[in-house]
N, C-alpha and C. Protein backbone atom coordinates (compact mmCIF):
# COMPACT_ATOMS: atom_id res chain seq x y z
N MET A 1 0.83 -1.16 0.00
CA MET A 1 0.00 0.00 0.00
C MET A 1 0.89 1.24 0.00
N VAL A 2 0.52 2.16 -0.84
CA VAL A 2 1.32 3.36 -1.00
C VAL A 2 0.67 4.48 -0.20
N GLN A 3 1.45 5.12 0.59
CA GLN A 3 0.94 6.25 1.35
C GLN A 3 1.35 7.53 0.64
N THR A 4 0.41 8.45 0.58
CA THR A 4 0.73 9.73 -0.03
C THR A 4 1.05 10.72 1.07
N ALA A 5 1.92 11.60 0.73
CA ALA A 5 2.31 12.62 1.70
C ALA A 5 1.18 13.63 1.84
N PRO A 6 0.98 14.16 3.01
CA PRO A 6 -0.08 15.16 3.18
C PRO A 6 0.21 16.38 2.31
N SER A 7 -0.87 16.94 1.76
CA SER A 7 -0.76 18.12 0.89
C SER A 7 -0.29 19.30 1.71
N SER A 8 0.48 20.17 1.06
CA SER A 8 0.96 21.34 1.77
C SER A 8 -0.13 22.41 1.90
N ALA A 9 -1.16 22.35 1.01
CA ALA A 9 -2.26 23.31 1.09
C ALA A 9 -3.29 22.80 2.07
N PRO A 10 -3.74 23.64 2.98
CA PRO A 10 -4.74 23.18 3.94
C PRO A 10 -6.09 22.96 3.25
N ALA A 11 -6.82 21.98 3.62
CA ALA A 11 -8.15 21.70 3.06
C ALA A 11 -9.13 22.75 3.56
N VAL A 12 -9.99 23.22 2.63
CA VAL A 12 -11.00 24.20 3.00
C VAL A 12 -12.18 23.45 3.59
N PRO A 13 -12.56 23.78 4.79
CA PRO A 13 -13.67 23.08 5.41
C PRO A 13 -14.96 23.26 4.61
N ARG A 14 -15.80 22.22 4.63
CA ARG A 14 -17.07 22.24 3.91
C ARG A 14 -17.94 23.42 4.31
N ARG A 15 -17.98 23.71 5.58
CA ARG A 15 -18.80 24.81 6.09
C ARG A 15 -18.38 26.14 5.45
N ARG A 16 -17.09 26.35 5.31
CA ARG A 16 -16.59 27.60 4.72
C ARG A 16 -16.96 27.68 3.24
N ARG A 17 -16.88 26.56 2.52
CA ARG A 17 -17.27 26.55 1.10
C ARG A 17 -18.75 26.87 0.95
N ARG A 18 -19.58 26.30 1.79
CA ARG A 18 -21.02 26.58 1.74
C ARG A 18 -21.29 28.06 1.99
N LYS A 19 -20.60 28.61 2.97
CA LYS A 19 -20.78 30.02 3.30
C LYS A 19 -20.37 30.91 2.12
N THR A 20 -19.28 30.56 1.47
CA THR A 20 -18.80 31.32 0.31
C THR A 20 -19.81 31.22 -0.84
N VAL A 21 -20.31 30.01 -1.10
CA VAL A 21 -21.30 29.83 -2.16
C VAL A 21 -22.57 30.60 -1.84
N LEU A 22 -23.02 30.53 -0.60
CA LEU A 22 -24.22 31.26 -0.18
C LEU A 22 -24.02 32.77 -0.34
N THR A 23 -22.87 33.27 0.02
CA THR A 23 -22.57 34.71 -0.13
C THR A 23 -22.63 35.11 -1.60
N VAL A 24 -22.03 34.31 -2.47
CA VAL A 24 -22.05 34.61 -3.91
C VAL A 24 -23.47 34.60 -4.45
N VAL A 25 -24.28 33.64 -4.03
CA VAL A 25 -25.68 33.56 -4.48
C VAL A 25 -26.46 34.78 -4.01
N VAL A 26 -26.30 35.18 -2.76
CA VAL A 26 -27.01 36.35 -2.22
C VAL A 26 -26.61 37.60 -2.98
N ILE A 27 -25.32 37.77 -3.24
CA ILE A 27 -24.85 38.95 -3.99
C ILE A 27 -25.44 38.94 -5.40
N ALA A 28 -25.48 37.80 -6.04
CA ALA A 28 -26.04 37.70 -7.40
C ALA A 28 -27.52 38.04 -7.41
N VAL A 29 -28.26 37.55 -6.42
CA VAL A 29 -29.70 37.85 -6.34
C VAL A 29 -29.92 39.35 -6.10
N LEU A 30 -29.16 39.92 -5.18
CA LEU A 30 -29.31 41.35 -4.91
C LEU A 30 -28.94 42.19 -6.14
N ALA A 31 -27.89 41.81 -6.83
CA ALA A 31 -27.50 42.53 -8.06
C ALA A 31 -28.60 42.41 -9.11
N GLY A 32 -29.20 41.23 -9.21
CA GLY A 32 -30.30 41.04 -10.16
C GLY A 32 -31.50 41.89 -9.81
N LEU A 33 -31.84 41.95 -8.52
CA LEU A 33 -32.96 42.79 -8.09
C LEU A 33 -32.68 44.26 -8.33
N PHE A 34 -31.45 44.68 -8.09
CA PHE A 34 -31.08 46.07 -8.34
C PHE A 34 -31.20 46.38 -9.83
N ALA A 35 -30.70 45.48 -10.68
CA ALA A 35 -30.79 45.68 -12.13
C ALA A 35 -32.26 45.70 -12.56
N LEU A 36 -33.08 44.80 -12.00
CA LEU A 36 -34.50 44.77 -12.32
C LEU A 36 -35.14 46.10 -11.95
N ARG A 37 -34.83 46.61 -10.76
CA ARG A 37 -35.39 47.88 -10.32
C ARG A 37 -34.91 49.04 -11.18
N LEU A 38 -33.65 49.00 -11.56
CA LEU A 38 -33.05 50.09 -12.32
C LEU A 38 -33.59 50.16 -13.74
N TRP A 39 -33.78 49.01 -14.38
CA TRP A 39 -34.12 49.01 -15.80
C TRP A 39 -35.49 48.47 -16.16
N VAL A 40 -36.16 47.77 -15.26
CA VAL A 40 -37.42 47.14 -15.65
C VAL A 40 -38.60 47.59 -14.79
N ILE A 41 -38.58 47.30 -13.51
CA ILE A 41 -39.69 47.63 -12.60
C ILE A 41 -39.15 48.51 -11.48
N GLU A 42 -39.84 49.60 -11.22
CA GLU A 42 -39.39 50.49 -10.15
C GLU A 42 -40.58 50.86 -9.26
N PRO A 43 -40.43 50.74 -7.95
CA PRO A 43 -41.50 51.20 -7.07
C PRO A 43 -41.46 52.72 -6.95
N VAL A 44 -42.62 53.35 -7.01
CA VAL A 44 -42.72 54.80 -6.87
C VAL A 44 -43.73 55.08 -5.77
N GLY A 45 -43.32 55.85 -4.78
CA GLY A 45 -44.22 56.22 -3.69
C GLY A 45 -45.15 57.35 -4.11
N VAL A 46 -46.38 57.28 -3.66
CA VAL A 46 -47.37 58.32 -3.96
C VAL A 46 -47.49 59.22 -2.74
N ASP A 47 -47.17 60.50 -2.93
CA ASP A 47 -47.19 61.44 -1.82
C ASP A 47 -48.41 62.36 -1.83
N LEU A 48 -48.95 62.63 -3.01
CA LEU A 48 -50.03 63.61 -3.14
C LEU A 48 -51.36 62.93 -3.43
N ASP A 49 -52.44 63.71 -3.35
CA ASP A 49 -53.78 63.14 -3.53
C ASP A 49 -54.34 63.37 -4.93
N SER A 50 -53.53 63.74 -5.90
CA SER A 50 -54.04 64.07 -7.23
C SER A 50 -54.55 62.86 -8.02
N MET A 51 -54.25 61.64 -7.56
CA MET A 51 -54.75 60.44 -8.25
C MET A 51 -55.77 59.67 -7.42
N GLU A 52 -56.27 60.29 -6.34
CA GLU A 52 -57.30 59.61 -5.54
C GLU A 52 -58.58 59.51 -6.34
N PRO A 53 -59.36 58.48 -6.20
CA PRO A 53 -59.22 57.36 -5.27
C PRO A 53 -58.35 56.22 -5.80
N THR A 54 -57.89 56.31 -7.04
CA THR A 54 -57.10 55.23 -7.63
C THR A 54 -55.82 54.98 -6.86
N LEU A 55 -55.06 56.04 -6.58
CA LEU A 55 -53.82 55.94 -5.82
C LEU A 55 -53.86 56.97 -4.69
N ALA A 56 -54.05 56.49 -3.48
CA ALA A 56 -54.10 57.38 -2.32
C ALA A 56 -52.68 57.68 -1.85
N PRO A 57 -52.50 58.81 -1.15
CA PRO A 57 -51.18 59.07 -0.57
C PRO A 57 -50.76 57.89 0.31
N GLY A 58 -49.50 57.51 0.21
CA GLY A 58 -49.00 56.34 0.93
C GLY A 58 -48.98 55.09 0.08
N SER A 59 -49.64 55.12 -1.07
CA SER A 59 -49.62 53.97 -1.98
C SER A 59 -48.24 53.83 -2.60
N ILE A 60 -47.97 52.63 -3.06
CA ILE A 60 -46.74 52.36 -3.82
C ILE A 60 -47.17 51.82 -5.18
N ALA A 61 -46.71 52.47 -6.23
CA ALA A 61 -47.02 52.05 -7.60
C ALA A 61 -45.78 51.40 -8.19
N PHE A 62 -45.95 50.26 -8.85
CA PHE A 62 -44.83 49.59 -9.51
C PHE A 62 -44.91 49.94 -10.99
N VAL A 63 -43.80 50.50 -11.48
CA VAL A 63 -43.76 51.10 -12.81
C VAL A 63 -42.90 50.24 -13.73
N LEU A 64 -43.49 49.82 -14.85
CA LEU A 64 -42.76 49.10 -15.89
C LEU A 64 -42.02 50.11 -16.73
N LYS A 65 -40.69 50.01 -16.75
CA LYS A 65 -39.86 51.04 -17.36
C LYS A 65 -39.28 50.63 -18.72
N THR A 66 -39.76 49.56 -19.33
CA THR A 66 -39.18 49.13 -20.60
C THR A 66 -39.55 50.11 -21.71
N GLU A 67 -38.75 50.15 -22.74
CA GLU A 67 -39.01 51.03 -23.89
C GLU A 67 -40.36 50.71 -24.51
N GLN A 68 -40.68 49.42 -24.60
CA GLN A 68 -41.96 48.99 -25.17
C GLN A 68 -43.13 49.56 -24.38
N ALA A 69 -43.06 49.48 -23.06
CA ALA A 69 -44.13 50.00 -22.21
C ALA A 69 -44.29 51.49 -22.40
N ARG A 70 -43.17 52.21 -22.45
CA ARG A 70 -43.24 53.67 -22.59
C ARG A 70 -43.82 54.07 -23.94
N SER A 71 -43.42 53.38 -25.00
CA SER A 71 -43.89 53.78 -26.34
C SER A 71 -45.32 53.32 -26.60
N ASP A 72 -45.80 52.34 -25.84
CA ASP A 72 -47.16 51.82 -26.03
C ASP A 72 -48.17 52.42 -25.07
N ALA A 73 -47.80 53.47 -24.34
CA ALA A 73 -48.75 54.09 -23.41
C ALA A 73 -50.01 54.48 -24.16
N GLN A 74 -51.15 54.09 -23.62
CA GLN A 74 -52.41 54.33 -24.32
C GLN A 74 -53.50 54.80 -23.37
N LEU A 75 -54.64 55.10 -23.93
CA LEU A 75 -55.76 55.62 -23.15
C LEU A 75 -56.01 54.78 -21.90
N GLY A 76 -56.17 55.47 -20.78
CA GLY A 76 -56.46 54.80 -19.52
C GLY A 76 -55.24 54.41 -18.72
N ASP A 77 -54.07 54.32 -19.36
CA ASP A 77 -52.85 53.94 -18.64
C ASP A 77 -52.46 55.02 -17.64
N LEU A 78 -51.90 54.58 -16.52
CA LEU A 78 -51.29 55.51 -15.57
C LEU A 78 -49.81 55.55 -15.93
N VAL A 79 -49.32 56.75 -16.24
CA VAL A 79 -47.93 56.91 -16.67
C VAL A 79 -47.15 57.73 -15.66
N VAL A 80 -45.85 57.50 -15.62
CA VAL A 80 -44.95 58.24 -14.74
C VAL A 80 -44.03 59.08 -15.60
N PHE A 81 -43.85 60.32 -15.19
CA PHE A 81 -42.99 61.25 -15.92
C PHE A 81 -42.45 62.27 -14.93
N PRO A 82 -41.35 62.95 -15.28
CA PRO A 82 -40.84 63.97 -14.35
C PRO A 82 -41.74 65.20 -14.36
N SER A 83 -42.02 65.73 -13.19
CA SER A 83 -42.84 66.92 -13.07
C SER A 83 -42.20 68.08 -13.84
N PRO A 84 -42.98 68.79 -14.65
CA PRO A 84 -42.42 69.97 -15.33
C PRO A 84 -41.95 71.04 -14.35
N ALA A 85 -42.46 71.02 -13.13
CA ALA A 85 -42.10 72.04 -12.15
C ALA A 85 -40.77 71.74 -11.45
N ASP A 86 -40.58 70.46 -11.02
CA ASP A 86 -39.38 70.19 -10.20
C ASP A 86 -38.72 68.83 -10.48
N GLU A 87 -39.13 68.16 -11.54
CA GLU A 87 -38.51 66.89 -11.96
C GLU A 87 -38.81 65.70 -11.05
N THR A 88 -39.65 65.84 -10.02
CA THR A 88 -40.00 64.68 -9.20
C THR A 88 -40.95 63.80 -10.00
N PRO A 89 -40.97 62.48 -9.73
CA PRO A 89 -41.87 61.60 -10.48
C PRO A 89 -43.33 61.93 -10.21
N VAL A 90 -44.12 61.97 -11.28
CA VAL A 90 -45.54 62.28 -11.21
C VAL A 90 -46.30 61.15 -11.91
N ILE A 91 -47.45 60.80 -11.37
CA ILE A 91 -48.30 59.78 -11.99
C ILE A 91 -49.61 60.44 -12.41
N LYS A 92 -49.98 60.24 -13.67
CA LYS A 92 -51.26 60.75 -14.20
C LYS A 92 -51.83 59.73 -15.17
N ARG A 93 -53.11 59.89 -15.50
CA ARG A 93 -53.81 58.99 -16.41
C ARG A 93 -53.82 59.59 -17.82
N VAL A 94 -53.53 58.76 -18.83
CA VAL A 94 -53.63 59.19 -20.23
C VAL A 94 -55.11 59.24 -20.59
N VAL A 95 -55.61 60.44 -20.96
CA VAL A 95 -57.03 60.58 -21.30
C VAL A 95 -57.25 60.85 -22.78
N ALA A 96 -56.19 61.20 -23.51
CA ALA A 96 -56.32 61.42 -24.96
C ALA A 96 -54.95 61.25 -25.62
N GLU A 97 -54.98 60.76 -26.86
CA GLU A 97 -53.76 60.53 -27.62
C GLU A 97 -53.65 61.52 -28.76
N ALA A 98 -52.50 61.52 -29.41
CA ALA A 98 -52.25 62.44 -30.52
C ALA A 98 -53.38 62.36 -31.56
N GLY A 99 -53.82 63.54 -32.02
CA GLY A 99 -54.87 63.62 -33.04
C GLY A 99 -56.27 63.69 -32.48
N GLN A 100 -56.44 63.36 -31.20
CA GLN A 100 -57.77 63.42 -30.60
C GLN A 100 -58.02 64.83 -30.07
N GLN A 101 -59.30 65.17 -30.00
CA GLN A 101 -59.69 66.46 -29.43
C GLN A 101 -60.24 66.22 -28.03
N ILE A 102 -59.82 67.08 -27.11
CA ILE A 102 -60.24 66.95 -25.72
C ILE A 102 -60.94 68.23 -25.30
N GLU A 103 -61.91 68.05 -24.41
CA GLU A 103 -62.64 69.18 -23.87
C GLU A 103 -63.24 68.75 -22.53
N VAL A 104 -63.33 69.69 -21.59
CA VAL A 104 -64.03 69.43 -20.34
C VAL A 104 -65.17 70.43 -20.26
N ARG A 105 -66.40 69.88 -20.17
CA ARG A 105 -67.60 70.71 -20.08
C ARG A 105 -68.33 70.38 -18.80
N ASP A 106 -68.44 71.34 -17.91
CA ASP A 106 -69.12 71.16 -16.63
C ASP A 106 -68.64 69.88 -15.94
N ALA A 107 -67.32 69.74 -15.87
CA ALA A 107 -66.62 68.65 -15.17
C ALA A 107 -66.60 67.32 -15.93
N LEU A 108 -67.26 67.23 -17.06
CA LEU A 108 -67.26 65.98 -17.83
C LEU A 108 -66.23 66.05 -18.94
N LEU A 109 -65.42 64.99 -19.05
CA LEU A 109 -64.39 64.89 -20.07
C LEU A 109 -65.01 64.40 -21.37
N TYR A 110 -64.71 65.11 -22.45
CA TYR A 110 -65.14 64.71 -23.79
C TYR A 110 -63.89 64.50 -24.63
N VAL A 111 -63.83 63.36 -25.30
CA VAL A 111 -62.77 63.08 -26.25
C VAL A 111 -63.43 62.84 -27.60
N ASP A 112 -63.04 63.66 -28.58
CA ASP A 112 -63.66 63.63 -29.90
C ASP A 112 -65.17 63.78 -29.80
N SER A 113 -65.59 64.70 -28.96
CA SER A 113 -67.00 65.06 -28.73
C SER A 113 -67.84 63.97 -28.08
N ILE A 114 -67.21 62.92 -27.58
CA ILE A 114 -67.92 61.83 -26.92
C ILE A 114 -67.60 61.87 -25.43
N PRO A 115 -68.63 61.90 -24.56
CA PRO A 115 -68.35 61.91 -23.12
C PRO A 115 -67.67 60.61 -22.70
N VAL A 116 -66.66 60.74 -21.86
CA VAL A 116 -65.90 59.58 -21.40
C VAL A 116 -66.43 59.14 -20.04
N ARG A 117 -66.71 57.85 -19.90
CA ARG A 117 -67.17 57.31 -18.62
C ARG A 117 -65.95 57.16 -17.71
N GLU A 118 -65.97 57.84 -16.57
CA GLU A 118 -64.85 57.82 -15.63
C GLU A 118 -65.36 57.56 -14.21
N PRO A 119 -65.59 56.30 -13.86
CA PRO A 119 -66.14 55.99 -12.54
C PRO A 119 -65.18 56.33 -11.40
N PHE A 120 -63.92 56.54 -11.69
CA PHE A 120 -62.91 56.86 -10.67
C PHE A 120 -62.82 58.34 -10.38
N VAL A 121 -63.61 59.17 -11.07
CA VAL A 121 -63.60 60.62 -10.86
C VAL A 121 -64.87 61.03 -10.12
N ASP A 122 -64.72 61.80 -9.03
CA ASP A 122 -65.87 62.31 -8.29
C ASP A 122 -66.26 63.65 -8.91
N HIS A 123 -67.21 63.60 -9.82
CA HIS A 123 -67.61 64.80 -10.57
C HIS A 123 -68.28 65.86 -9.69
N SER A 124 -68.80 65.46 -8.55
CA SER A 124 -69.47 66.44 -7.69
C SER A 124 -68.48 67.45 -7.09
N THR A 125 -67.20 67.07 -7.01
CA THR A 125 -66.21 67.99 -6.43
C THR A 125 -65.66 68.96 -7.47
N ILE A 126 -65.95 68.72 -8.74
CA ILE A 126 -65.39 69.58 -9.79
C ILE A 126 -66.48 70.18 -10.67
N ASP A 127 -67.69 70.20 -10.17
CA ASP A 127 -68.81 70.76 -10.92
C ASP A 127 -68.47 72.19 -11.35
N GLY A 128 -68.78 72.51 -12.58
CA GLY A 128 -68.53 73.86 -13.08
C GLY A 128 -67.14 74.03 -13.67
N THR A 129 -66.37 72.94 -13.82
CA THR A 129 -65.03 73.01 -14.38
C THR A 129 -65.11 72.90 -15.91
N PHE A 130 -64.34 73.75 -16.58
CA PHE A 130 -64.33 73.75 -18.05
C PHE A 130 -62.89 73.78 -18.54
N TYR A 131 -62.66 73.18 -19.71
CA TYR A 131 -61.38 73.27 -20.41
C TYR A 131 -61.72 73.36 -21.89
N PRO A 132 -61.13 74.31 -22.61
CA PRO A 132 -61.52 74.53 -24.00
C PRO A 132 -61.13 73.37 -24.93
N LEU A 133 -61.86 73.24 -26.01
CA LEU A 133 -61.59 72.23 -27.02
C LEU A 133 -60.15 72.39 -27.52
N THR A 134 -59.38 71.31 -27.41
CA THR A 134 -57.96 71.32 -27.76
C THR A 134 -57.62 70.03 -28.49
N GLU A 135 -56.84 70.12 -29.57
CA GLU A 135 -56.37 68.91 -30.25
C GLU A 135 -55.01 68.54 -29.70
N VAL A 136 -54.84 67.25 -29.43
CA VAL A 136 -53.57 66.75 -28.90
C VAL A 136 -52.58 66.61 -30.05
N PRO A 137 -51.45 67.32 -29.98
CA PRO A 137 -50.48 67.31 -31.08
C PRO A 137 -49.79 65.95 -31.26
N PRO A 138 -49.22 65.70 -32.43
CA PRO A 138 -48.47 64.46 -32.67
C PRO A 138 -47.31 64.33 -31.67
N GLY A 139 -47.02 63.10 -31.28
CA GLY A 139 -45.91 62.84 -30.37
C GLY A 139 -46.20 63.16 -28.92
N THR A 140 -47.49 63.40 -28.58
CA THR A 140 -47.86 63.73 -27.21
C THR A 140 -49.11 62.97 -26.78
N VAL A 141 -49.38 63.01 -25.49
CA VAL A 141 -50.64 62.52 -24.92
C VAL A 141 -51.13 63.58 -23.95
N PHE A 142 -52.41 63.56 -23.66
CA PHE A 142 -53.01 64.47 -22.69
C PHE A 142 -53.24 63.66 -21.42
N VAL A 143 -52.70 64.14 -20.30
CA VAL A 143 -52.81 63.41 -19.03
C VAL A 143 -53.56 64.25 -18.00
N MET A 144 -54.32 63.55 -17.15
CA MET A 144 -55.06 64.21 -16.08
C MET A 144 -55.03 63.32 -14.84
N GLY A 145 -55.10 63.96 -13.67
CA GLY A 145 -55.23 63.21 -12.43
C GLY A 145 -56.68 62.81 -12.21
N ASP A 146 -56.90 61.73 -11.47
CA ASP A 146 -58.26 61.28 -11.18
C ASP A 146 -58.97 62.21 -10.20
N ASN A 147 -58.21 62.86 -9.33
CA ASN A 147 -58.76 63.83 -8.40
C ASN A 147 -58.64 65.20 -9.08
N ARG A 148 -59.54 65.46 -10.01
CA ARG A 148 -59.42 66.61 -10.92
C ARG A 148 -59.32 67.95 -10.21
N GLU A 149 -59.96 68.06 -9.06
CA GLU A 149 -59.93 69.33 -8.34
C GLU A 149 -58.52 69.64 -7.80
N GLN A 150 -57.76 68.61 -7.45
CA GLN A 150 -56.44 68.79 -6.84
C GLN A 150 -55.28 68.57 -7.80
N SER A 151 -55.56 68.12 -9.01
CA SER A 151 -54.50 67.71 -9.93
C SER A 151 -53.94 68.86 -10.77
N ILE A 152 -52.63 68.89 -10.84
CA ILE A 152 -51.93 69.75 -11.80
C ILE A 152 -51.52 68.81 -12.92
N ASP A 153 -52.06 69.05 -14.12
CA ASP A 153 -51.87 68.09 -15.21
C ASP A 153 -51.80 68.81 -16.55
N SER A 154 -52.12 68.12 -17.63
CA SER A 154 -52.01 68.72 -18.97
C SER A 154 -52.88 69.96 -19.14
N ARG A 155 -53.89 70.12 -18.31
CA ARG A 155 -54.68 71.35 -18.37
C ARG A 155 -53.84 72.55 -17.95
N ASP A 156 -52.79 72.29 -17.17
CA ASP A 156 -51.91 73.34 -16.68
C ASP A 156 -50.62 73.45 -17.48
N PHE A 157 -49.97 72.30 -17.77
CA PHE A 157 -48.67 72.34 -18.44
C PHE A 157 -48.70 71.86 -19.88
N GLY A 158 -49.88 71.56 -20.41
CA GLY A 158 -50.01 71.18 -21.81
C GLY A 158 -49.81 69.69 -22.03
N PRO A 159 -49.99 69.26 -23.29
CA PRO A 159 -49.81 67.84 -23.61
C PRO A 159 -48.41 67.36 -23.25
N LEU A 160 -48.32 66.09 -22.87
CA LEU A 160 -47.08 65.49 -22.42
C LEU A 160 -46.36 64.81 -23.59
N PRO A 161 -45.12 65.20 -23.87
CA PRO A 161 -44.36 64.52 -24.93
C PRO A 161 -44.16 63.04 -24.59
N LEU A 162 -44.37 62.17 -25.57
CA LEU A 162 -44.22 60.73 -25.33
C LEU A 162 -42.83 60.38 -24.82
N ASP A 163 -41.81 61.08 -25.29
CA ASP A 163 -40.45 60.74 -24.87
C ASP A 163 -40.15 61.14 -23.43
N SER A 164 -41.06 61.83 -22.77
CA SER A 164 -40.84 62.16 -21.35
C SER A 164 -41.47 61.11 -20.42
N ILE A 165 -42.22 60.17 -21.00
CA ILE A 165 -42.82 59.11 -20.18
C ILE A 165 -41.72 58.15 -19.75
N GLU A 166 -41.60 57.94 -18.45
CA GLU A 166 -40.57 57.05 -17.90
C GLU A 166 -41.07 55.63 -17.72
N GLY A 167 -42.39 55.44 -17.63
CA GLY A 167 -42.92 54.10 -17.46
C GLY A 167 -44.42 54.12 -17.26
N VAL A 168 -44.97 52.90 -17.18
CA VAL A 168 -46.41 52.70 -17.03
C VAL A 168 -46.65 51.91 -15.74
N VAL A 169 -47.60 52.37 -14.95
CA VAL A 169 -47.94 51.67 -13.70
C VAL A 169 -48.61 50.34 -14.05
N VAL A 170 -48.05 49.25 -13.50
CA VAL A 170 -48.61 47.93 -13.75
C VAL A 170 -49.29 47.34 -12.53
N TRP A 171 -48.98 47.87 -11.35
CA TRP A 171 -49.58 47.35 -10.13
C TRP A 171 -49.35 48.36 -9.02
N SER A 172 -50.27 48.40 -8.07
CA SER A 172 -50.09 49.30 -6.93
C SER A 172 -50.77 48.71 -5.71
N PHE A 173 -50.33 49.18 -4.56
CA PHE A 173 -51.00 48.81 -3.31
C PHE A 173 -50.78 49.91 -2.29
N ASN A 174 -51.65 49.92 -1.30
CA ASN A 174 -51.54 50.90 -0.21
C ASN A 174 -51.28 50.14 1.07
N PRO A 175 -50.04 50.26 1.60
CA PRO A 175 -49.70 49.50 2.80
C PRO A 175 -50.32 50.02 4.08
N SER A 176 -50.90 51.22 4.06
CA SER A 176 -51.48 51.75 5.30
C SER A 176 -52.85 51.16 5.53
N PHE A 177 -53.20 51.03 6.78
CA PHE A 177 -54.48 50.46 7.17
C PHE A 177 -55.38 51.57 7.66
N LYS A 178 -56.31 51.98 6.81
CA LYS A 178 -57.21 53.07 7.19
C LYS A 178 -58.58 52.53 7.49
């Protein structure tokens, strides 16, 4: 029987190898989540009441940030874009697309002269509100908050350029218990 001389390199204990593998896996998962948040899905906190009752203050909206989502924003979508006032993220609803005509008559939204059914808007709080007939220019959308009385939106800053849309809300929840 031949005996081999002991190796000069110390053997790495199994426990240490497992710990190293576990550390590498955790780092990879965290890096993947960071990349996912950075380029695909991003949580956005809702601080203001301009989207109530759809998104109450304290809600968290998850925003799909892919190029496809941004370029496919369509009627009814909640989109995120930098505020024209201070660049903070803002969430509003797309109510009209390029080429459509928009008007608000006595708090009711009309698109192409057809009244839009909006069950998420409390029309009693905005009775007597008007916005003149306006055509949405190419390359833009018209956005409004669901809480029309409190919302600063396209009625104030004009149609939103499509290239300023950062993403589309795909899911939201309100963690507070009211």
